[in-house]
Amino acid sequence: MPLAKIELKKKEFTFCDGQSVYLNEPTLGQIQNAQKNAKGDEIEQAKILLIDMSLGELTKEFLNACPQSEFIRLMEVINSFMGIEIKN
């Protein structure tokens, strides 16, 4: 009998303007996809992961328009799930 998918942890992220989005813990497949498609660009990798983690609610256009301070806070959520060290 096949195993059931594991329930992913999720966190609610609230932007400075009050909008909010749920971010699911990234899966191994999402991490590999982000690494493959980002071609070494850490910011692009984070954007791809965030789009996947939000189940498409976040978009590249939205993330590209985000203030740097909000993007850093989003990266901290990725870090809390994965233990990635954030470089300034």
C-alpha atoms as a PDB file:
ATOM      1  CA  MET A   1       0.000   0.000   0.000  1.00  0.00           C
ATOM      2  CA  PRO A   2       1.501   3.393  -0.973  1.00  0.00           C
ATOM      3  CA  LEU A   3       2.175   5.934   1.719  1.00  0.00           C
ATOM      4  CA  ALA A   4       0.010   9.024   1.960  1.00  0.00           C
ATOM      5  CA  LYS A   5       1.623  12.404   1.321  1.00  0.00           C
ATOM      6  CA  ILE A   6       2.970  14.076   4.441  1.00  0.00           C
ATOM      7  CA  GLU A   7       1.021  17.137   5.572  1.00  0.00           C
ATOM      8  CA  LEU A   8       3.223  20.182   4.978  1.00  0.00           C
ATOM      9  CA  LYS A   9       3.782  22.760   7.694  1.00  0.00           C
ATOM     10  CA  LYS A  10       2.569  26.225   6.758  1.00  0.00           C
ATOM     11  CA  LYS A  11       3.078  29.721   8.040  1.00  0.00           C
ATOM     12  CA  GLU A  12       1.038  32.835   7.469  1.00  0.00           C
ATOM     13  CA  PHE A  13       3.075  35.806   6.261  1.00  0.00           C
ATOM     14  CA  THR A  14       1.632  39.300   6.618  1.00  0.00           C
ATOM     15  CA  PHE A  15       3.017  42.104   4.477  1.00  0.00           C
ATOM     16  CA  CYS A  16       3.485  45.642   5.780  1.00  0.00           C
ATOM     17  CA  ASP A  17       0.273  46.737   4.021  1.00  0.00           C
ATOM     18  CA  GLY A  18      -1.808  44.058   5.775  1.00  0.00           C
ATOM     19  CA  GLN A  19      -2.068  41.569   2.898  1.00  0.00           C
ATOM     20  CA  SER A  20      -1.253  38.001   3.902  1.00  0.00           C
ATOM     21  CA  VAL A  21      -0.329  34.725   2.253  1.00  0.00           C
ATOM     22  CA  TYR A  22       0.172  31.187   3.525  1.00  0.00           C
ATOM     23  CA  LEU A  23       3.551  29.652   2.758  1.00  0.00           C
ATOM     24  CA  ASN A  24       3.871  25.870   2.817  1.00  0.00           C
ATOM     25  CA  GLU A  25       7.085  24.141   3.784  1.00  0.00           C
ATOM     26  CA  PRO A  26       9.008  23.518   0.543  1.00  0.00           C
ATOM     27  CA  THR A  27       9.278  19.967  -0.736  1.00  0.00           C
ATOM     28  CA  LEU A  28      12.461  18.373  -2.031  1.00  0.00           C
ATOM     29  CA  GLY A  29      11.056  18.587  -5.560  1.00  0.00           C
ATOM     30  CA  GLN A  30      10.387  22.318  -5.209  1.00  0.00           C
ATOM     31  CA  ILE A  31      13.901  22.928  -3.899  1.00  0.00           C
ATOM     32  CA  GLN A  32      15.462  20.967  -6.780  1.00  0.00           C
ATOM     33  CA  ASN A  33      13.267  22.785  -9.310  1.00  0.00           C
ATOM     34  CA  ALA A  34      14.254  26.184  -7.903  1.00  0.00           C
ATOM     35  CA  GLN A  35      17.955  25.309  -7.939  1.00  0.00           C
ATOM     36  CA  LYS A  36      17.778  24.003 -11.509  1.00  0.00           C
ATOM     37  CA  ASN A  37      15.840  26.965 -12.902  1.00  0.00           C
ATOM     38  CA  ALA A  38      17.671  29.714 -10.992  1.00  0.00           C
ATOM     39  CA  LYS A  39      21.074  28.791 -12.493  1.00  0.00           C
ATOM     40  CA  GLY A  40      23.017  29.948  -9.433  1.00  0.00           C
ATOM     41  CA  ASP A  41      21.051  33.173  -8.830  1.00  0.00           C
ATOM     42  CA  GLU A  42      20.055  33.040  -5.153  1.00  0.00           C
ATOM     43  CA  ILE A  43      17.394  35.741  -5.451  1.00  0.00           C
ATOM     44  CA  GLU A  44      15.785  33.963  -8.410  1.00  0.00           C
ATOM     45  CA  GLN A  45      15.920  30.696  -6.469  1.00  0.00           C
ATOM     46  CA  ALA A  46      14.102  32.333  -3.539  1.00  0.00           C
ATOM     47  CA  LYS A  47      11.444  33.793  -5.871  1.00  0.00           C
ATOM     48  CA  ILE A  48      10.799  30.417  -7.512  1.00  0.00           C
ATOM     49  CA  LEU A  49      10.533  28.765  -4.090  1.00  0.00           C
ATOM     50  CA  LEU A  50       8.186  31.456  -2.758  1.00  0.00           C
ATOM     51  CA  ILE A  51       5.874  31.096  -5.755  1.00  0.00           C
ATOM     52  CA  ASP A  52       5.764  27.325  -5.202  1.00  0.00           C
ATOM     53  CA  MET A  53       5.418  27.646  -1.424  1.00  0.00           C
ATOM     54  CA  SER A  54       2.431  29.995  -1.841  1.00  0.00           C
ATOM     55  CA  LEU A  55       0.804  27.581  -4.330  1.00  0.00           C
ATOM     56  CA  GLY A  56       0.997  30.322  -6.970  1.00  0.00           C
ATOM     57  CA  GLU A  57      -0.578  33.076  -4.886  1.00  0.00           C
ATOM     58  CA  LEU A  58       2.693  35.013  -5.039  1.00  0.00           C
ATOM     59  CA  THR A  59       3.809  35.893  -8.567  1.00  0.00           C
ATOM     60  CA  LYS A  60       7.118  37.008 -10.059  1.00  0.00           C
ATOM     61  CA  GLU A  61       5.565  40.395 -10.814  1.00  0.00           C
ATOM     62  CA  PHE A  62       4.454  40.819  -7.196  1.00  0.00           C
ATOM     63  CA  LEU A  63       7.828  39.693  -5.816  1.00  0.00           C
ATOM     64  CA  ASN A  64       9.759  41.953  -8.219  1.00  0.00           C
ATOM     65  CA  ALA A  65       7.683  44.905  -6.975  1.00  0.00           C
ATOM     66  CA  CYS A  66       8.225  44.030  -3.292  1.00  0.00           C
ATOM     67  CA  PRO A  67      10.311  46.395  -1.190  1.00  0.00           C
ATOM     68  CA  GLN A  68      13.661  44.891  -0.225  1.00  0.00           C
ATOM     69  CA  SER A  69      12.681  44.830   3.454  1.00  0.00           C
ATOM     70  CA  GLU A  70       9.631  42.666   2.693  1.00  0.00           C
ATOM     71  CA  PHE A  71      11.674  40.320   0.491  1.00  0.00           C
ATOM     72  CA  ILE A  72      14.210  39.885   3.309  1.00  0.00           C
ATOM     73  CA  ARG A  73      11.357  38.981   5.663  1.00  0.00           C
ATOM     74  CA  LEU A  74      10.090  36.425   3.111  1.00  0.00           C
ATOM     75  CA  MET A  75      13.597  34.950   2.881  1.00  0.00           C
ATOM     76  CA  GLU A  76      13.553  34.584   6.669  1.00  0.00           C
ATOM     77  CA  VAL A  77      10.461  32.373   6.311  1.00  0.00           C
ATOM     78  CA  ILE A  78      12.341  30.170   3.832  1.00  0.00           C
ATOM     79  CA  ASN A  79      15.216  30.075   6.304  1.00  0.00           C
ATOM     80  CA  SER A  80      12.918  29.049   9.147  1.00  0.00           C
ATOM     81  CA  PHE A  81      11.738  26.048   7.112  1.00  0.00           C
ATOM     82  CA  MET A  82      15.082  25.037   5.635  1.00  0.00           C
ATOM     83  CA  GLY A  83      17.930  26.492   7.653  1.00  0.00           C
ATOM     84  CA  ILE A  84      19.335  28.420   4.645  1.00  0.00           C
ATOM     85  CA  GLU A  85      21.787  31.101   5.660  1.00  0.00           C
ATOM     86  CA  ILE A  86      20.675  34.502   4.362  1.00  0.00           C
ATOM     87  CA  LYS A  87      23.512  36.561   2.873  1.00  0.00           C
ATOM     88  CA  ASN A  88      23.258  40.365   2.787  1.00  0.00           C
END
